[in-house]
Amino acid sequence: MTNLLKTTEITSSDYDSVKALVHGEVKTFLGLNFVHTEQLSTDTSDDRLCNMWQKNGMQLAMMKNPESNITVRPDKNYAWQVYMKLVLGCVRLAEEYVVQIACSES
């Protein structure tokens, strides 16, 4: 992110109609939406593996219909307890829409 903020294309309004540094962070660049996550793995050379995909290349799959239940808990001063169960998965529809990029952190 630090290296990205050093590039002229990110910080200059000549390249983008959306001001990247209004809130001090980059949300989009070249049509990509950046999502901050701590769930990235590393490869054998200690590069961080970042995933990138195009929306049309992915499909959400619901395994079952959602189950829900609302009950009262007498042991918790009759507080309401809400239970929701949802089984989801995601599959890749087209190989060319999903890539993994190795990024050096040094």
PDB file of N, CA and C in Angstrom:
ATOM      1  N   MET A   1       0.831  -1.184   0.000  1.00  0.00           N
ATOM      2  CA  MET A   1       0.000   0.000   0.000  1.00  0.00           C
ATOM      3  C   MET A   1       0.877   1.250   0.000  1.00  0.00           C
ATOM      4  N   THR A   2       1.989   1.203   0.738  1.00  0.00           N
ATOM      5  CA  THR A   2       2.901   2.345   0.770  1.00  0.00           C
ATOM      6  C   THR A   2       3.489   2.611  -0.605  1.00  0.00           C
ATOM      7  N   ASN A   3       3.911   1.562  -1.295  1.00  0.00           N
ATOM      8  CA  ASN A   3       4.462   1.724  -2.642  1.00  0.00           C
ATOM      9  C   ASN A   3       3.406   2.237  -3.610  1.00  0.00           C
ATOM     10  N   LEU A   4       2.181   1.793  -3.446  1.00  0.00           N
ATOM     11  CA  LEU A   4       1.098   2.246  -4.319  1.00  0.00           C
ATOM     12  C   LEU A   4       0.824   3.732  -4.121  1.00  0.00           C
ATOM     13  N   LEU A   5       0.905   4.211  -2.889  1.00  0.00           N
ATOM     14  CA  LEU A   5       0.668   5.627  -2.609  1.00  0.00           C
ATOM     15  C   LEU A   5       1.790   6.513  -3.134  1.00  0.00           C
ATOM     16  N   LYS A   6       2.959   5.944  -3.457  1.00  0.00           N
ATOM     17  CA  LYS A   6       4.075   6.715  -3.996  1.00  0.00           C
ATOM     18  C   LYS A   6       3.949   6.949  -5.498  1.00  0.00           C
ATOM     19  N   THR A   7       3.051   6.251  -6.172  1.00  0.00           N
ATOM     20  CA  THR A   7       2.924   6.403  -7.618  1.00  0.00           C
ATOM     21  C   THR A   7       2.108   7.643  -7.958  1.00  0.00           C
ATOM     22  N   THR A   8       2.497   8.302  -9.025  1.00  0.00           N
ATOM     23  CA  THR A   8       1.829   9.530  -9.466  1.00  0.00           C
ATOM     24  C   THR A   8       0.401   9.250  -9.890  1.00  0.00           C
ATOM     25  N   GLU A   9       0.146   8.111 -10.513  1.00  0.00           N
ATOM     26  CA  GLU A   9      -1.193   7.795 -11.006  1.00  0.00           C
ATOM     27  C   GLU A   9      -2.217   7.690  -9.879  1.00  0.00           C
ATOM     28  N   ILE A  10      -1.793   7.315  -8.702  1.00  0.00           N
ATOM     29  CA  ILE A  10      -2.711   7.199  -7.557  1.00  0.00           C
ATOM     30  C   ILE A  10      -2.994   8.569  -6.948  1.00  0.00           C
ATOM     31  N   THR A  11      -1.961   9.374  -6.770  1.00  0.00           N
ATOM     32  CA  THR A  11      -2.111  10.621  -6.021  1.00  0.00           C
ATOM     33  C   THR A  11      -2.533  11.809  -6.867  1.00  0.00           C
ATOM     34  N   SER A  12      -2.403  11.726  -8.181  1.00  0.00           N
ATOM     35  CA  SER A  12      -2.735  12.851  -9.045  1.00  0.00           C
ATOM     36  C   SER A  12      -4.185  12.763  -9.523  1.00  0.00           C
ATOM     37  N   SER A  13      -4.893  13.877  -9.464  1.00  0.00           N
ATOM     38  CA  SER A  13      -6.278  13.899  -9.931  1.00  0.00           C
ATOM     39  C   SER A  13      -6.353  13.915 -11.456  1.00  0.00           C
ATOM     40  N   ASP A  14      -5.220  14.089 -12.129  1.00  0.00           N
ATOM     41  CA  ASP A  14      -5.202  14.050 -13.587  1.00  0.00           C
ATOM     42  C   ASP A  14      -5.509  12.657 -14.119  1.00  0.00           C
ATOM     43  N   TYR A  15      -5.204  11.625 -13.360  1.00  0.00           N
ATOM     44  CA  TYR A  15      -5.380  10.250 -13.800  1.00  0.00           C
ATOM     45  C   TYR A  15      -6.713   9.648 -13.373  1.00  0.00           C
ATOM     46  N   ASP A  16      -7.303  10.168 -12.334  1.00  0.00           N
ATOM     47  CA  ASP A  16      -8.496   9.535 -11.782  1.00  0.00           C
ATOM     48  C   ASP A  16      -9.477  10.596 -11.316  1.00  0.00           C
ATOM     49  N   SER A  17     -10.753  10.369 -11.584  1.00  0.00           N
ATOM     50  CA  SER A  17     -11.768  11.315 -11.125  1.00  0.00           C
ATOM     51  C   SER A  17     -12.078  11.115  -9.647  1.00  0.00           C
ATOM     52  N   VAL A  18     -11.763   9.943  -9.099  1.00  0.00           N
ATOM     53  CA  VAL A  18     -11.969   9.667  -7.677  1.00  0.00           C
ATOM     54  C   VAL A  18     -10.692  10.024  -6.928  1.00  0.00           C
ATOM     55  N   LYS A  19     -10.794  10.884  -5.957  1.00  0.00           N
ATOM     56  CA  LYS A  19      -9.619  11.308  -5.195  1.00  0.00           C
ATOM     57  C   LYS A  19      -9.216  10.199  -4.234  1.00  0.00           C
ATOM     58  N   ALA A  20      -8.033   9.629  -4.433  1.00  0.00           N
ATOM     59  CA  ALA A  20      -7.595   8.477  -3.651  1.00  0.00           C
ATOM     60  C   ALA A  20      -7.215   8.841  -2.225  1.00  0.00           C
ATOM     61  N   LEU A  21      -6.749  10.065  -2.005  1.00  0.00           N
ATOM     62  CA  LEU A  21      -6.214  10.402  -0.689  1.00  0.00           C
ATOM     63  C   LEU A  21      -7.158  11.244   0.161  1.00  0.00           C
ATOM     64  N   VAL A  22      -8.436  11.281  -0.183  1.00  0.00           N
ATOM     65  CA  VAL A  22      -9.394  12.060   0.602  1.00  0.00           C
ATOM     66  C   VAL A  22      -9.434  11.541   2.038  1.00  0.00           C
ATOM     67  N   HIS A  23      -9.469  10.218   2.195  1.00  0.00           N
ATOM     68  CA  HIS A  23      -9.504   9.613   3.530  1.00  0.00           C
ATOM     69  C   HIS A  23      -8.172   8.968   3.891  1.00  0.00           C
ATOM     70  N   GLY A  24      -7.142   9.211   3.120  1.00  0.00           N
ATOM     71  CA  GLY A  24      -5.817   8.674   3.424  1.00  0.00           C
ATOM     72  C   GLY A  24      -5.645   7.219   3.077  1.00  0.00           C
ATOM     73  N   GLU A  25      -6.489   6.670   2.234  1.00  0.00           N
ATOM     74  CA  GLU A  25      -6.359   5.270   1.853  1.00  0.00           C
ATOM     75  C   GLU A  25      -6.840   5.081   0.419  1.00  0.00           C
ATOM     76  N   VAL A  26      -6.341   4.033  -0.203  1.00  0.00           N
ATOM     77  CA  VAL A  26      -6.719   3.725  -1.576  1.00  0.00           C
ATOM     78  C   VAL A  26      -7.785   2.640  -1.547  1.00  0.00           C
ATOM     79  N   LYS A  27      -8.961   2.936  -2.093  1.00  0.00           N
ATOM     80  CA  LYS A  27     -10.054   1.958  -2.149  1.00  0.00           C
ATOM     81  C   LYS A  27     -10.131   1.298  -3.521  1.00  0.00           C
ATOM     82  N   THR A  28      -9.920   2.081  -4.594  1.00  0.00           N
ATOM     83  CA  THR A  28     -10.011   1.549  -5.951  1.00  0.00           C
ATOM     84  C   THR A  28      -8.863   2.086  -6.786  1.00  0.00           C
ATOM     85  N   PHE A  29      -8.473   1.310  -7.805  1.00  0.00           N
ATOM     86  CA  PHE A  29      -7.456   1.731  -8.761  1.00  0.00           C
ATOM     87  C   PHE A  29      -7.603   0.868 -10.000  1.00  0.00           C
ATOM     88  N   LEU A  30      -7.690   1.496 -11.169  1.00  0.00           N
ATOM     89  CA  LEU A  30      -7.822   0.800 -12.451  1.00  0.00           C
ATOM     90  C   LEU A  30      -9.011  -0.159 -12.464  1.00  0.00           C
ATOM     91  N   GLY A  31     -10.093   0.223 -11.801  1.00  0.00           N
ATOM     92  CA  GLY A  31     -11.287  -0.614 -11.785  1.00  0.00           C
ATOM     93  C   GLY A  31     -11.254  -1.731 -10.756  1.00  0.00           C
ATOM     94  N   LEU A  32     -10.202  -1.818  -9.953  1.00  0.00           N
ATOM     95  CA  LEU A  32     -10.095  -2.844  -8.909  1.00  0.00           C
ATOM     96  C   LEU A  32     -10.538  -2.264  -7.574  1.00  0.00           C
ATOM     97  N   ASN A  33     -11.279  -3.036  -6.803  1.00  0.00           N
ATOM     98  CA  ASN A  33     -11.641  -2.672  -5.433  1.00  0.00           C
ATOM     99  C   ASN A  33     -10.711  -3.425  -4.499  1.00  0.00           C
ATOM    100  N   PHE A  34     -10.017  -2.697  -3.634  1.00  0.00           N
ATOM    101  CA  PHE A  34      -9.111  -3.314  -2.677  1.00  0.00           C
ATOM    102  C   PHE A  34      -9.867  -3.656  -1.399  1.00  0.00           C
ATOM    103  N   VAL A  35      -9.675  -4.869  -0.901  1.00  0.00           N
ATOM    104  CA  VAL A  35     -10.296  -5.329   0.338  1.00  0.00           C
ATOM    105  C   VAL A  35      -9.169  -5.709   1.289  1.00  0.00           C
ATOM    106  N   HIS A  36      -9.117  -5.055   2.455  1.00  0.00           N
ATOM    107  CA  HIS A  36      -8.093  -5.357   3.452  1.00  0.00           C
ATOM    108  C   HIS A  36      -8.433  -6.659   4.163  1.00  0.00           C
ATOM    109  N   THR A  37      -7.472  -7.558   4.235  1.00  0.00           N
ATOM    110  CA  THR A  37      -7.675  -8.824   4.938  1.00  0.00           C
ATOM    111  C   THR A  37      -6.372  -9.276   5.568  1.00  0.00           C
ATOM    112  N   GLU A  38      -6.474 -10.032   6.627  1.00  0.00           N
ATOM    113  CA  GLU A  38      -5.324 -10.626   7.298  1.00  0.00           C
ATOM    114  C   GLU A  38      -5.194 -12.112   6.951  1.00  0.00           C
ATOM    115  N   GLN A  39      -6.033 -12.612   6.057  1.00  0.00           N
ATOM    116  CA  GLN A  39      -6.107 -14.033   5.750  1.00  0.00           C
ATOM    117  C   GLN A  39      -5.350 -14.400   4.483  1.00  0.00           C
ATOM    118  N   LEU A  40      -4.164 -13.838   4.284  1.00  0.00           N
ATOM    119  CA  LEU A  40      -3.357 -14.141   3.113  1.00  0.00           C
ATOM    120  C   LEU A  40      -2.251 -15.111   3.493  1.00  0.00           C
ATOM    121  N   SER A  41      -1.981 -16.063   2.625  1.00  0.00           N
ATOM    122  CA  SER A  41      -0.936 -17.044   2.892  1.00  0.00           C
ATOM    123  C   SER A  41       0.365 -16.613   2.216  1.00  0.00           C
ATOM    124  N   THR A  42       1.446 -17.324   2.511  1.00  0.00           N
ATOM    125  CA  THR A  42       2.737 -17.052   1.883  1.00  0.00           C
ATOM    126  C   THR A  42       3.166 -18.278   1.092  1.00  0.00           C
ATOM    127  N   ASP A  43       4.024 -18.059   0.102  1.00  0.00           N
ATOM    128  CA  ASP A  43       4.562 -19.187  -0.658  1.00  0.00           C
ATOM    129  C   ASP A  43       5.940 -19.542  -0.107  1.00  0.00           C
ATOM    130  N   THR A  44       6.676 -20.393  -0.805  1.00  0.00           N
ATOM    131  CA  THR A  44       7.977 -20.872  -0.313  1.00  0.00           C
ATOM    132  C   THR A  44       9.028 -19.775  -0.264  1.00  0.00           C
ATOM    133  N   SER A  45       8.869 -18.700  -1.043  1.00  0.00           N
ATOM    134  CA  SER A  45       9.845 -17.605  -1.026  1.00  0.00           C
ATOM    135  C   SER A  45       9.400 -16.462  -0.116  1.00  0.00           C
ATOM    136  N   ASP A  46       8.456 -16.699   0.764  1.00  0.00           N
ATOM    137  CA  ASP A  46       7.920 -15.721   1.717  1.00  0.00           C
ATOM    138  C   ASP A  46       7.231 -14.547   1.049  1.00  0.00           C
ATOM    139  N   ASP A  47       6.797 -14.713  -0.197  1.00  0.00           N
ATOM    140  CA  ASP A  47       5.966 -13.701  -0.842  1.00  0.00           C
ATOM    141  C   ASP A  47       4.529 -13.879  -0.377  1.00  0.00           C
ATOM    142  N   ARG A  48       3.817 -12.771  -0.195  1.00  0.00           N
ATOM    143  CA  ARG A  48       2.418 -12.812   0.207  1.00  0.00           C
ATOM    144  C   ARG A  48       1.571 -13.086  -1.040  1.00  0.00           C
ATOM    145  N   LEU A  49       0.683 -14.062  -0.971  1.00  0.00           N
ATOM    146  CA  LEU A  49      -0.151 -14.429  -2.112  1.00  0.00           C
ATOM    147  C   LEU A  49      -1.485 -13.688  -2.035  1.00  0.00           C
ATOM    148  N   CYS A  50      -1.717 -12.793  -2.981  1.00  0.00           N
ATOM    149  CA  CYS A  50      -2.932 -11.987  -3.032  1.00  0.00           C
ATOM    150  C   CYS A  50      -3.854 -12.516  -4.122  1.00  0.00           C
ATOM    151  N   ASN A  51      -5.115 -12.662  -3.796  1.00  0.00           N
ATOM    152  CA  ASN A  51      -6.101 -13.160  -4.751  1.00  0.00           C
ATOM    153  C   ASN A  51      -6.805 -12.001  -5.429  1.00  0.00           C
ATOM    154  N   MET A  52      -7.108 -12.183  -6.701  1.00  0.00           N
ATOM    155  CA  MET A  52      -7.829 -11.178  -7.461  1.00  0.00           C
ATOM    156  C   MET A  52      -8.776 -11.901  -8.406  1.00  0.00           C
ATOM    157  N   TRP A  53     -10.011 -11.405  -8.493  1.00  0.00           N
ATOM    158  CA  TRP A  53     -10.968 -12.036  -9.389  1.00  0.00           C
ATOM    159  C   TRP A  53     -11.923 -10.998  -9.950  1.00  0.00           C
ATOM    160  N   GLN A  54     -12.477 -11.336 -11.083  1.00  0.00           N
ATOM    161  CA  GLN A  54     -13.501 -10.526 -11.727  1.00  0.00           C
ATOM    162  C   GLN A  54     -14.845 -11.114 -11.341  1.00  0.00           C
ATOM    163  N   LYS A  55     -15.807 -10.270 -11.073  1.00  0.00           N
ATOM    164  CA  LYS A  55     -17.092 -10.708 -10.526  1.00  0.00           C
ATOM    165  C   LYS A  55     -17.782 -11.768 -11.392  1.00  0.00           C
ATOM    166  N   ASN A  56     -17.697 -11.645 -12.705  1.00  0.00           N
ATOM    167  CA  ASN A  56     -18.354 -12.609 -13.596  1.00  0.00           C
ATOM    168  C   ASN A  56     -17.696 -13.983 -13.574  1.00  0.00           C
ATOM    169  N   GLY A  57     -16.499 -14.092 -13.012  1.00  0.00           N
ATOM    170  CA  GLY A  57     -15.801 -15.361 -12.964  1.00  0.00           C
ATOM    171  C   GLY A  57     -16.088 -16.186 -11.726  1.00  0.00           C
ATOM    172  N   MET A  58     -16.935 -15.679 -10.827  1.00  0.00           N
ATOM    173  CA  MET A  58     -17.235 -16.379  -9.581  1.00  0.00           C
ATOM    174  C   MET A  58     -18.739 -16.614  -9.469  1.00  0.00           C
ATOM    175  N   GLN A  59     -19.117 -17.665  -8.746  1.00  0.00           N
ATOM    176  CA  GLN A  59     -20.528 -17.980  -8.526  1.00  0.00           C
ATOM    177  C   GLN A  59     -20.734 -18.370  -7.064  1.00  0.00           C
ATOM    178  N   LEU A  60     -21.705 -17.748  -6.430  1.00  0.00           N
ATOM    179  CA  LEU A  60     -22.073 -18.083  -5.058  1.00  0.00           C
ATOM    180  C   LEU A  60     -23.013 -19.278  -5.089  1.00  0.00           C
ATOM    181  N   ALA A  61     -22.757 -20.254  -4.245  1.00  0.00           N
ATOM    182  CA  ALA A  61     -23.593 -21.454  -4.180  1.00  0.00           C
ATOM    183  C   ALA A  61     -24.156 -21.591  -2.769  1.00  0.00           C
ATOM    184  N   MET A  62     -25.480 -21.724  -2.666  1.00  0.00           N
ATOM    185  CA  MET A  62     -26.132 -21.971  -1.382  1.00  0.00           C
ATOM    186  C   MET A  62     -26.464 -23.455  -1.317  1.00  0.00           C
ATOM    187  N   MET A  63     -25.883 -24.160  -0.346  1.00  0.00           N
ATOM    188  CA  MET A  63     -26.067 -25.599  -0.234  1.00  0.00           C
ATOM    189  C   MET A  63     -27.466 -25.976   0.269  1.00  0.00           C
ATOM    190  N   LYS A  64     -27.988 -25.179   1.201  1.00  0.00           N
ATOM    191  CA  LYS A  64     -29.295 -25.443   1.795  1.00  0.00           C
ATOM    192  C   LYS A  64     -30.025 -24.124   1.959  1.00  0.00           C
ATOM    193  N   ASN A  65     -31.311 -24.193   2.177  1.00  0.00           N
ATOM    194  CA  ASN A  65     -32.063 -22.997   2.514  1.00  0.00           C
ATOM    195  C   ASN A  65     -31.678 -22.533   3.911  1.00  0.00           C
ATOM    196  N   PRO A  66     -31.692 -21.239   4.167  1.00  0.00           N
ATOM    197  CA  PRO A  66     -31.350 -20.745   5.510  1.00  0.00           C
ATOM    198  C   PRO A  66     -32.326 -21.265   6.564  1.00  0.00           C
ATOM    199  N   GLU A  67     -31.783 -21.579   7.732  1.00  0.00           N
ATOM    200  CA  GLU A  67     -32.600 -21.998   8.878  1.00  0.00           C
ATOM    201  C   GLU A  67     -32.471 -20.931   9.957  1.00  0.00           C
ATOM    202  N   SER A  68     -33.585 -20.559  10.568  1.00  0.00           N
ATOM    203  CA  SER A  68     -33.530 -19.567  11.635  1.00  0.00           C
ATOM    204  C   SER A  68     -34.482 -19.956  12.756  1.00  0.00           C
ATOM    205  N   ASN A  69     -34.155 -19.457  13.948  1.00  0.00           N
ATOM    206  CA  ASN A  69     -34.967 -19.743  15.123  1.00  0.00           C
ATOM    207  C   ASN A  69     -34.772 -18.606  16.121  1.00  0.00           C
ATOM    208  N   ILE A  70     -35.866 -18.125  16.690  1.00  0.00           N
ATOM    209  CA  ILE A  70     -35.812 -17.090  17.720  1.00  0.00           C
ATOM    210  C   ILE A  70     -36.499 -17.637  18.955  1.00  0.00           C
ATOM    211  N   THR A  71     -35.777 -17.662  20.072  1.00  0.00           N
ATOM    212  CA  THR A  71     -36.318 -18.195  21.320  1.00  0.00           C
ATOM    213  C   THR A  71     -35.984 -17.249  22.477  1.00  0.00           C
ATOM    214  N   VAL A  72     -36.614 -17.498  23.595  1.00  0.00           N
ATOM    215  CA  VAL A  72     -36.345 -16.747  24.822  1.00  0.00           C
ATOM    216  C   VAL A  72     -35.507 -17.624  25.726  1.00  0.00           C
ATOM    217  N   ARG A  73     -34.458 -17.043  26.339  1.00  0.00           N
ATOM    218  CA  ARG A  73     -33.576 -17.783  27.249  1.00  0.00           C
ATOM    219  C   ARG A  73     -33.907 -17.423  28.700  1.00  0.00           C
ATOM    220  N   PRO A  74     -34.626 -18.297  29.425  1.00  0.00           N
ATOM    221  CA  PRO A  74     -34.940 -18.005  30.830  1.00  0.00           C
ATOM    222  C   PRO A  74     -33.690 -17.910  31.702  1.00  0.00           C
ATOM    223  N   ASP A  75     -32.632 -18.660  31.338  1.00  0.00           N
ATOM    224  CA  ASP A  75     -31.402 -18.640  32.138  1.00  0.00           C
ATOM    225  C   ASP A  75     -30.607 -17.351  31.933  1.00  0.00           C
ATOM    226  N   LYS A  76     -30.974 -16.514  30.971  1.00  0.00           N
ATOM    227  CA  LYS A  76     -30.297 -15.237  30.691  1.00  0.00           C
ATOM    228  C   LYS A  76     -31.265 -14.067  30.855  1.00  0.00           C
ATOM    229  N   ASN A  77     -32.081 -14.119  31.900  1.00  0.00           N
ATOM    230  CA  ASN A  77     -33.058 -13.061  32.204  1.00  0.00           C
ATOM    231  C   ASN A  77     -34.031 -12.846  31.051  1.00  0.00           C
ATOM    232  N   TYR A  78     -34.441 -13.949  30.451  1.00  0.00           N
ATOM    233  CA  TYR A  78     -35.431 -13.944  29.372  1.00  0.00           C
ATOM    234  C   TYR A  78     -35.017 -13.073  28.174  1.00  0.00           C
ATOM    235  N   ALA A  79     -33.733 -13.112  27.881  1.00  0.00           N
ATOM    236  CA  ALA A  79     -33.220 -12.398  26.702  1.00  0.00           C
ATOM    237  C   ALA A  79     -33.550 -13.206  25.448  1.00  0.00           C
ATOM    238  N   TRP A  80     -33.715 -12.507  24.333  1.00  0.00           N
ATOM    239  CA  TRP A  80     -33.991 -13.174  23.073  1.00  0.00           C
ATOM    240  C   TRP A  80     -32.705 -13.780  22.519  1.00  0.00           C
ATOM    241  N   GLN A  81     -32.826 -14.979  21.993  1.00  0.00           N
ATOM    242  CA  GLN A  81     -31.690 -15.641  21.335  1.00  0.00           C
ATOM    243  C   GLN A  81     -32.065 -15.864  19.877  1.00  0.00           C
ATOM    244  N   VAL A  82     -31.217 -15.374  18.987  1.00  0.00           N
ATOM    245  CA  VAL A  82     -31.459 -15.523  17.559  1.00  0.00           C
ATOM    246  C   VAL A  82     -30.430 -16.504  17.002  1.00  0.00           C
ATOM    247  N   TYR A  83     -30.911 -17.521  16.286  1.00  0.00           N
ATOM    248  CA  TYR A  83     -30.049 -18.541  15.689  1.00  0.00           C
ATOM    249  C   TYR A  83     -30.256 -18.514  14.172  1.00  0.00           C
ATOM    250  N   MET A  84     -29.158 -18.527  13.433  1.00  0.00           N
ATOM    251  CA  MET A  84     -29.237 -18.532  11.973  1.00  0.00           C
ATOM    252  C   MET A  84     -28.182 -19.488  11.439  1.00  0.00           C
ATOM    253  N   LYS A  85     -28.598 -20.359  10.520  1.00  0.00           N
ATOM    254  CA  LYS A  85     -27.675 -21.310   9.912  1.00  0.00           C
ATOM    255  C   LYS A  85     -27.776 -21.156   8.395  1.00  0.00           C
ATOM    256  N   LEU A  86     -26.612 -20.975   7.763  1.00  0.00           N
ATOM    257  CA  LEU A  86     -26.551 -20.779   6.329  1.00  0.00           C
ATOM    258  C   LEU A  86     -25.288 -21.449   5.816  1.00  0.00           C
ATOM    259  N   VAL A  87     -25.434 -22.316   4.849  1.00  0.00           N
ATOM    260  CA  VAL A  87     -24.289 -23.032   4.275  1.00  0.00           C
ATOM    261  C   VAL A  87     -24.037 -22.465   2.886  1.00  0.00           C
ATOM    262  N   LEU A  88     -22.872 -21.828   2.719  1.00  0.00           N
ATOM    263  CA  LEU A  88     -22.523 -21.174   1.468  1.00  0.00           C
ATOM    264  C   LEU A  88     -21.192 -21.696   0.939  1.00  0.00           C
ATOM    265  N   GLY A  89     -20.987 -21.488  -0.324  1.00  0.00           N
ATOM    266  CA  GLY A  89     -19.719 -21.788  -0.953  1.00  0.00           C
ATOM    267  C   GLY A  89     -19.559 -20.909  -2.173  1.00  0.00           C
ATOM    268  N   CYS A  90     -18.369 -20.872  -2.705  1.00  0.00           N
ATOM    269  CA  CYS A  90     -18.112 -20.081  -3.890  1.00  0.00           C
ATOM    270  C   CYS A  90     -17.273 -20.917  -4.840  1.00  0.00           C
ATOM    271  N   VAL A  91     -17.596 -20.859  -6.117  1.00  0.00           N
ATOM    272  CA  VAL A  91     -16.862 -21.634  -7.105  1.00  0.00           C
ATOM    273  C   VAL A  91     -16.370 -20.715  -8.218  1.00  0.00           C
ATOM    274  N   ARG A  92     -15.304 -21.130  -8.848  1.00  0.00           N
ATOM    275  CA  ARG A  92     -14.728 -20.409  -9.973  1.00  0.00           C
ATOM    276  C   ARG A  92     -15.403 -20.897 -11.244  1.00  0.00           C
ATOM    277  N   LEU A  93     -15.964 -19.976 -12.022  1.00  0.00           N
ATOM    278  CA  LEU A  93     -16.644 -20.332 -13.265  1.00  0.00           C
ATOM    279  C   LEU A  93     -15.683 -20.364 -14.449  1.00  0.00           C
ATOM    280  N   ALA A  94     -14.748 -19.448 -14.467  1.00  0.00           N
ATOM    281  CA  ALA A  94     -13.800 -19.358 -15.583  1.00  0.00           C
ATOM    282  C   ALA A  94     -12.406 -19.108 -15.030  1.00  0.00           C
ATOM    283  N   GLU A  95     -11.454 -19.920 -15.435  1.00  0.00           N
ATOM    284  CA  GLU A  95     -10.091 -19.865 -14.917  1.00  0.00           C
ATOM    285  C   GLU A  95      -9.429 -18.506 -15.167  1.00  0.00           C
ATOM    286  N   GLU A  96      -9.697 -17.893 -16.309  1.00  0.00           N
ATOM    287  CA  GLU A  96      -9.020 -16.643 -16.656  1.00  0.00           C
ATOM    288  C   GLU A  96      -9.500 -15.445 -15.845  1.00  0.00           C
ATOM    289  N   TYR A  97     -10.604 -15.563 -15.120  1.00  0.00           N
ATOM    290  CA  TYR A  97     -11.114 -14.465 -14.310  1.00  0.00           C
ATOM    291  C   TYR A  97     -10.585 -14.488 -12.873  1.00  0.00           C
ATOM    292  N   VAL A  98      -9.849 -15.513 -12.497  1.00  0.00           N
ATOM    293  CA  VAL A  98      -9.355 -15.656 -11.135  1.00  0.00           C
ATOM    294  C   VAL A  98      -7.843 -15.835 -11.180  1.00  0.00           C
ATOM    295  N   VAL A  99      -7.101 -14.948 -10.501  1.00  0.00           N
ATOM    296  CA  VAL A  99      -5.633 -15.034 -10.492  1.00  0.00           C
ATOM    297  C   VAL A  99      -5.112 -14.881  -9.078  1.00  0.00           C
ATOM    298  N   GLN A 100      -3.875 -15.291  -8.901  1.00  0.00           N
ATOM    299  CA  GLN A 100      -3.193 -15.138  -7.615  1.00  0.00           C
ATOM    300  C   GLN A 100      -1.864 -14.443  -7.894  1.00  0.00           C
ATOM    301  N   ILE A 101      -1.579 -13.369  -7.156  1.00  0.00           N
ATOM    302  CA  ILE A 101      -0.400 -12.548  -7.390  1.00  0.00           C
ATOM    303  C   ILE A 101       0.525 -12.667  -6.175  1.00  0.00           C
ATOM    304  N   ALA A 102       1.787 -12.966  -6.422  1.00  0.00           N
ATOM    305  CA  ALA A 102       2.795 -13.030  -5.353  1.00  0.00           C
ATOM    306  C   ALA A 102       3.366 -11.632  -5.157  1.00  0.00           C
ATOM    307  N   CYS A 103       3.244 -11.091  -3.932  1.00  0.00           N
ATOM    308  CA  CYS A 103       3.710  -9.742  -3.628  1.00  0.00           C
ATOM    309  C   CYS A 103       4.826  -9.803  -2.586  1.00  0.00           C
ATOM    310  N   SER A 104       5.926  -9.157  -2.896  1.00  0.00           N
ATOM    311  CA  SER A 104       7.052  -9.086  -1.955  1.00  0.00           C
ATOM    312  C   SER A 104       6.771  -8.010  -0.927  1.00  0.00           C
ATOM    313  N   GLU A 105       6.998  -8.315   0.345  1.00  0.00           N
ATOM    314  CA  GLU A 105       6.743  -7.354   1.403  1.00  0.00           C
ATOM    315  C   GLU A 105       7.976  -6.528   1.760  1.00  0.00           C
ATOM    316  N   SER A 106       9.077  -6.786   1.091  1.00  0.00           N
ATOM    317  CA  SER A 106      10.306  -6.034   1.420  1.00  0.00           C
ATOM    318  C   SER A 106      10.425  -4.771   0.610  1.00  0.00           C
TER     319      SER A 106
END
